[in-house]
């Protein structure tokens, strides 16, 4: 077995600052580059807008003004220019930004210029929807491995990939070169799944499970909590001014009904509905509860 030695004058800190163009290459976080997380999120939006322009053939081989790009991204021009200053790109005064150049700069900053292989854990309703989402491949994310603990799901094909047993995740992730993990399991299994993914060498995790994951300091975790987002919207609905709220007091008394987790009954004087609708509690489909206890 050969042992590689560092060349004379080698600076290990410089290696951590370099972004390679290879799959699975060195990863530089926004903190290491000094770019705020909020700016990183907006850069992703700018990239989506620019990619959409190129895809539709708009602004092809031309420039786009900061005002136009800012409006398309839903921000003001000053904030956009400040965000792009982190890339060292200020555009040309009175002309704007070259679309191709700016797209390439943002892509490289976000690491979107190279492929990222992704492992998806939890093939319930949410997981299957994510596995079949066509938008990932267009942004350089390739679903390369699917995992679950439910024996009824293991072995099935989902969108052309075989669902593997979560117990084999460490070996398969290393074999396929997966660098990002996505957790779409119930909260009760999320921590065990995170431990397995970290044990497989993954340092980037996106989780749809509520709750906080305990991971090493060098592991980046992003949370997507749909119920939390809905609660934020509910807050805004609850605090709308009366003038902005839909008027219901003008409805005839016979047309009003009580809504409390179920459909209101027949309206007096009106023919009965031809069918019934039952509203039950929402279910989060992920790893089977009985199979959620996954040994690390």
Protein backbone atom coordinates (compact mmCIF):
# COMPACT_ATOMS: atom_id res chain seq x y z
CA UNK A 1 0.00 0.00 0.00
CA UNK A 2 1.42 3.35 -1.02
CA UNK A 3 1.24 6.38 1.19
CA UNK A 4 0.87 9.80 -0.40
CA UNK A 5 3.04 12.53 1.06
CA UNK A 6 2.32 16.22 0.95
CA UNK A 7 4.59 18.30 -1.25
CA UNK A 8 6.93 20.84 0.26
CA UNK A 9 5.12 24.08 1.01
CA UNK A 10 1.70 22.39 1.00
CA UNK A 11 -0.90 24.41 2.90
CA UNK A 12 -3.79 22.20 4.12
CA UNK A 13 -5.98 25.25 4.75
CA UNK A 14 -5.76 26.23 1.10
CA UNK A 15 -7.17 22.86 0.08
CA UNK A 16 -10.29 23.48 2.14
CA UNK A 17 -10.91 26.70 0.26
CA UNK A 18 -10.75 25.16 -3.21
CA UNK A 19 -13.84 23.96 -5.06
CA UNK A 20 -13.20 21.14 -7.54
CA UNK A 21 -15.24 20.30 -10.63
CA UNK A 22 -15.30 16.57 -9.85
CA UNK A 23 -18.23 14.67 -8.45
CA UNK A 24 -17.72 14.32 -4.71
CA UNK A 25 -14.91 16.87 -4.67
CA UNK A 26 -14.07 19.29 -1.90
CA UNK A 27 -17.09 21.09 -0.52
CA UNK A 28 -16.87 24.67 0.70
CA UNK A 29 -19.70 25.87 2.87
CA UNK A 30 -21.12 29.37 2.68
CA UNK A 31 -19.60 30.09 6.08
CA UNK A 32 -16.11 29.22 4.79
CA UNK A 33 -16.64 31.52 1.80
CA UNK A 34 -18.05 34.31 3.96
CA UNK A 35 -21.39 34.34 2.15
CA UNK A 36 -24.45 34.71 4.43
CA UNK A 37 -27.01 31.91 4.34
CA UNK A 38 -29.73 34.33 3.23
CA UNK A 39 -27.58 35.38 0.28
CA UNK A 40 -26.97 31.76 -0.67
CA UNK A 41 -30.73 31.19 -0.74
CA UNK A 42 -31.25 34.22 -2.98
CA UNK A 43 -28.40 33.17 -5.28
CA UNK A 44 -30.29 29.93 -5.86
CA UNK A 45 -33.34 31.98 -6.84
CA UNK A 46 -31.28 34.11 -9.23
CA UNK A 47 -29.89 30.95 -10.81
CA UNK A 48 -33.39 29.57 -11.28
CA UNK A 49 -34.50 32.79 -12.99
CA UNK A 50 -31.44 32.90 -15.26
CA UNK A 51 -31.74 29.21 -16.14
CA UNK A 52 -35.38 29.77 -17.02
CA UNK A 53 -34.43 32.62 -19.35
CA UNK A 54 -31.87 30.47 -21.12
CA UNK A 55 -34.29 27.56 -21.35
CA UNK A 56 -36.90 29.76 -23.02
CA UNK A 57 -34.33 31.37 -25.30
CA UNK A 58 -34.79 34.79 -23.72
CA UNK A 59 -31.74 37.04 -23.27
CA UNK A 60 -29.68 34.41 -25.07
CA UNK A 61 -26.19 35.78 -25.63
CA UNK A 62 -27.22 39.14 -24.21
CA UNK A 63 -27.43 41.00 -20.91
CA UNK A 64 -30.04 41.49 -18.23
CA UNK A 65 -30.39 44.57 -16.06
CA UNK A 66 -30.28 44.38 -12.29
CA UNK A 67 -33.79 45.83 -12.16
CA UNK A 68 -35.22 43.14 -14.42
CA UNK A 69 -33.43 40.31 -12.62
CA UNK A 70 -34.42 41.69 -9.22
CA UNK A 71 -38.08 41.94 -10.20
CA UNK A 72 -38.08 38.37 -11.54
CA UNK A 73 -36.51 37.16 -8.29
CA UNK A 74 -38.80 39.19 -6.04
CA UNK A 75 -36.09 41.36 -4.45
CA UNK A 76 -34.98 44.97 -4.81
CA UNK A 77 -32.10 45.98 -7.05
CA UNK A 78 -29.86 47.11 -4.19
CA UNK A 79 -30.09 43.74 -2.45
CA UNK A 80 -29.40 41.91 -5.70
CA UNK A 81 -26.29 43.96 -6.40
CA UNK A 82 -25.04 43.35 -2.87
CA UNK A 83 -25.62 39.61 -3.22
CA UNK A 84 -23.76 39.48 -6.53
CA UNK A 85 -20.87 41.46 -5.07
CA UNK A 86 -19.92 38.31 -3.13
CA UNK A 87 -19.13 36.74 -6.50
CA UNK A 88 -16.87 39.61 -7.50
CA UNK A 89 -19.31 40.45 -10.30
CA UNK A 90 -20.72 43.97 -10.52
CA UNK A 91 -21.93 43.95 -14.09
CA UNK A 92 -21.52 46.90 -16.43
CA UNK A 93 -23.07 50.21 -15.42
CA UNK A 94 -25.87 51.13 -17.80
CA UNK A 95 -25.70 47.72 -19.50
CA UNK A 96 -26.34 45.05 -16.90
CA UNK A 97 -25.07 41.51 -16.42
CA UNK A 98 -24.05 39.07 -19.12
CA UNK A 99 -26.56 36.23 -18.74
CA UNK A 100 -24.21 33.36 -19.62
CA UNK A 101 -21.34 34.66 -17.48
CA UNK A 102 -23.53 35.39 -14.47
CA UNK A 103 -25.23 31.99 -14.73
CA UNK A 104 -21.84 30.30 -14.76
CA UNK A 105 -20.55 32.34 -11.80
CA UNK A 106 -23.58 31.58 -9.64
CA UNK A 107 -23.53 27.90 -10.65
CA UNK A 108 -19.92 27.52 -9.59
CA UNK A 109 -20.47 29.37 -6.33
CA UNK A 110 -23.43 27.13 -5.46
CA UNK A 111 -21.69 23.98 -6.69
CA UNK A 112 -24.38 23.51 -9.33
CA UNK A 113 -21.84 23.14 -12.12
CA UNK A 114 -21.19 19.50 -11.19
CA UNK A 115 -23.39 16.51 -10.50
CA UNK A 116 -24.44 15.66 -6.95
CA UNK A 117 -25.57 12.11 -6.25
CA UNK A 118 -28.42 11.91 -3.76
CA UNK A 119 -29.74 9.13 -1.51
CA UNK A 120 -33.43 9.28 -0.57
CA UNK A 121 -34.60 7.51 2.60
CA UNK A 122 -38.30 6.84 3.20
CA UNK A 123 -40.44 5.78 0.25
CA UNK A 124 -43.89 6.68 1.51
CA UNK A 125 -46.11 9.11 -0.37
CA UNK A 126 -43.71 12.01 0.10
CA UNK A 127 -40.63 9.96 -0.73
CA UNK A 128 -42.13 8.54 -3.92
CA UNK A 129 -43.12 12.03 -5.03
CA UNK A 130 -39.57 13.26 -4.44
CA UNK A 131 -38.10 10.26 -6.26
CA UNK A 132 -40.14 11.07 -9.34
CA UNK A 133 -39.65 14.84 -9.28
CA UNK A 134 -38.10 15.82 -12.66
CA UNK A 135 -36.75 19.15 -11.42
CA UNK A 136 -33.79 17.63 -9.57
CA UNK A 137 -31.90 16.38 -12.61
CA UNK A 138 -32.17 19.74 -14.33
CA UNK A 139 -30.31 21.33 -11.41
CA UNK A 140 -27.55 18.72 -11.25
CA UNK A 141 -29.03 16.45 -8.56
CA UNK A 142 -29.20 12.78 -9.43
CA UNK A 143 -31.24 10.41 -7.25
CA UNK A 144 -28.82 7.48 -7.10
CA UNK A 145 -30.11 5.38 -4.18
CA UNK A 146 -33.46 4.71 -2.49
CA UNK A 147 -33.79 3.23 1.00
CA UNK A 148 -36.57 2.06 3.30
CA UNK A 149 -37.03 -0.28 6.26
CA UNK A 150 -40.47 -1.59 5.34
CA UNK A 151 -40.11 -5.13 3.89
CA UNK A 152 -43.12 -4.45 1.67
CA UNK A 153 -41.27 -1.57 -0.01
CA UNK A 154 -37.74 -3.00 -0.15
CA UNK A 155 -37.12 -4.59 -3.52
CA UNK A 156 -39.70 -2.56 -5.41
CA UNK A 157 -38.82 -0.28 -8.31
CA UNK A 158 -39.62 3.41 -7.90
CA UNK A 159 -38.99 5.61 -10.92
CA UNK A 160 -36.47 3.12 -12.32
CA UNK A 161 -34.53 2.57 -9.07
CA UNK A 162 -34.71 -0.40 -6.74
CA UNK A 163 -35.60 0.38 -3.13
CA UNK A 164 -32.80 -0.99 -0.95
CA UNK A 165 -32.83 -1.96 2.71
CA UNK A 166 -31.75 0.85 5.02
CA UNK A 167 -29.33 -1.58 6.68
CA UNK A 168 -27.27 -1.61 3.46
CA UNK A 169 -27.13 2.20 3.18
CA UNK A 170 -23.53 2.58 4.31
CA UNK A 171 -22.13 0.23 1.69
CA UNK A 172 -24.39 1.41 -1.14
CA UNK A 173 -23.80 5.12 -0.51
CA UNK A 174 -20.06 4.62 -0.62
CA UNK A 175 -20.32 2.42 -3.71
CA UNK A 176 -22.51 4.87 -5.67
CA UNK A 177 -20.64 8.00 -4.58
CA UNK A 178 -23.63 9.61 -2.87
CA UNK A 179 -22.80 12.95 -1.25
CA UNK A 180 -26.24 14.25 -0.19
CA UNK A 181 -28.94 12.51 1.82
CA UNK A 182 -32.66 13.29 1.87
CA UNK A 183 -34.77 12.09 4.82
CA UNK A 184 -38.49 11.66 4.14
CA UNK A 185 -39.33 9.48 7.14
CA UNK A 186 -41.44 10.05 10.25
CA UNK A 187 -39.71 12.02 12.99
CA UNK A 188 -39.33 8.88 15.11
CA UNK A 189 -36.90 7.38 12.58
CA UNK A 190 -35.14 10.52 11.39
CA UNK A 191 -32.29 10.52 13.92
CA UNK A 192 -31.42 6.88 13.28
CA UNK A 193 -31.44 7.51 9.54
CA UNK A 194 -29.23 10.58 9.98
CA UNK A 195 -26.75 8.50 12.00
CA UNK A 196 -26.60 5.94 9.20
CA UNK A 197 -26.08 8.58 6.51
CA UNK A 198 -23.35 10.29 8.53
CA UNK A 199 -21.75 6.89 9.07
CA UNK A 200 -21.76 6.42 5.29
CA UNK A 201 -19.67 9.58 4.93
CA UNK A 202 -22.42 12.02 3.95
CA UNK A 203 -21.94 15.58 5.16
CA UNK A 204 -25.04 17.20 3.63
CA UNK A 205 -28.57 16.24 4.68
CA UNK A 206 -31.99 17.58 3.73
CA UNK A 207 -34.74 16.45 6.08
CA UNK A 208 -38.51 16.72 5.79
CA UNK A 209 -39.00 15.24 9.26
CA UNK A 210 -39.89 17.67 12.05
CA UNK A 211 -37.49 18.02 14.95
CA UNK A 212 -33.80 18.68 15.42
CA UNK A 213 -31.15 16.21 14.28
CA UNK A 214 -28.00 15.71 16.35
CA UNK A 215 -25.12 15.54 13.89
CA UNK A 216 -21.39 16.38 13.96
CA UNK A 217 -20.37 20.00 13.49
CA UNK A 218 -19.10 19.39 9.95
CA UNK A 219 -22.48 18.09 8.74
CA UNK A 220 -24.83 20.59 7.06
CA UNK A 221 -28.54 19.99 7.73
CA UNK A 222 -31.41 21.78 6.03
CA UNK A 223 -34.97 21.40 7.34
CA UNK A 224 -38.16 21.55 5.29
CA UNK A 225 -41.14 21.53 7.66
CA UNK A 226 -44.32 21.91 5.63
CA UNK A 227 -46.56 22.06 8.70
CA UNK A 228 -44.43 24.89 10.10
CA UNK A 229 -44.77 26.85 6.87
CA UNK A 230 -48.54 26.36 6.99
CA UNK A 231 -48.61 27.59 10.59
CA UNK A 232 -46.79 30.75 9.51
CA UNK A 233 -49.42 31.30 6.83
CA UNK A 234 -52.13 30.66 9.43
CA UNK A 235 -50.59 33.39 11.60
CA UNK A 236 -50.85 35.90 8.77
CA UNK A 237 -54.43 34.82 8.06
CA UNK A 238 -55.36 35.25 11.72
CA UNK A 239 -53.90 38.77 11.82
CA UNK A 240 -55.36 40.13 8.64
CA UNK A 241 -57.36 43.33 9.01
CA UNK A 242 -61.14 42.84 8.99
CA UNK A 243 -61.38 44.75 5.71
CA UNK A 244 -59.03 42.27 4.01
CA UNK A 245 -60.80 39.18 5.35
CA UNK A 246 -63.48 37.51 3.18
CA UNK A 247 -66.95 38.79 4.10
CA UNK A 248 -69.26 36.03 5.36
CA UNK A 249 -71.86 37.99 7.32
CA UNK A 250 -73.75 38.86 4.12
CA UNK A 251 -74.52 35.21 3.36
CA UNK A 252 -78.10 34.08 3.91
CA UNK A 253 -78.63 32.24 7.16
CA UNK A 254 -79.64 29.07 5.36
CA UNK A 255 -76.39 28.97 3.38
CA UNK A 256 -74.07 28.97 6.38
CA UNK A 257 -72.72 25.84 7.99
CA UNK A 258 -70.28 24.85 10.67
CA UNK A 259 -66.84 23.68 9.65
CA UNK A 260 -64.96 21.83 12.35
CA UNK A 261 -62.82 19.15 10.76
CA UNK A 262 -65.75 17.81 8.75
CA UNK A 263 -68.01 18.79 5.90
CA UNK A 264 -71.14 20.66 6.98
CA UNK A 265 -74.44 18.84 6.67
CA UNK A 266 -77.09 19.42 4.01
CA UNK A 267 -78.35 22.98 3.65
CA UNK A 268 -82.05 23.23 4.54
CA UNK A 269 -84.22 23.64 1.49
CA UNK A 270 -81.50 22.33 -0.83
CA UNK A 271 -81.28 18.86 -2.46
CA UNK A 272 -78.93 16.44 -0.76
CA UNK A 273 -75.47 16.02 -2.25
CA UNK A 274 -74.89 13.00 -4.44
CA UNK A 275 -71.78 11.94 -2.52
CA UNK A 276 -70.15 12.37 0.87
CA UNK A 277 -66.69 13.70 1.63
CA UNK A 278 -64.86 12.62 4.75
CA UNK A 279 -61.96 14.63 6.06
CA UNK A 280 -59.68 12.59 8.27
CA UNK A 281 -56.37 13.33 9.96
CA UNK A 282 -53.42 13.83 7.67
CA UNK A 283 -50.92 11.00 7.55
CA UNK A 284 -47.20 11.30 6.95
CA UNK A 285 -46.10 8.28 4.96
CA UNK A 286 -42.48 7.35 5.47
CA UNK A 287 -40.71 4.42 7.07
CA UNK A 288 -43.17 1.91 8.46
CA UNK A 289 -43.58 2.58 12.21
CA UNK A 290 -42.99 -1.05 13.04
CA UNK A 291 -39.73 -0.98 11.11
CA UNK A 292 -38.58 2.43 12.30
CA UNK A 293 -36.08 1.05 14.82
CA UNK A 294 -33.01 0.81 12.60
CA UNK A 295 -29.82 -0.29 14.34
CA UNK A 296 -26.85 1.91 13.64
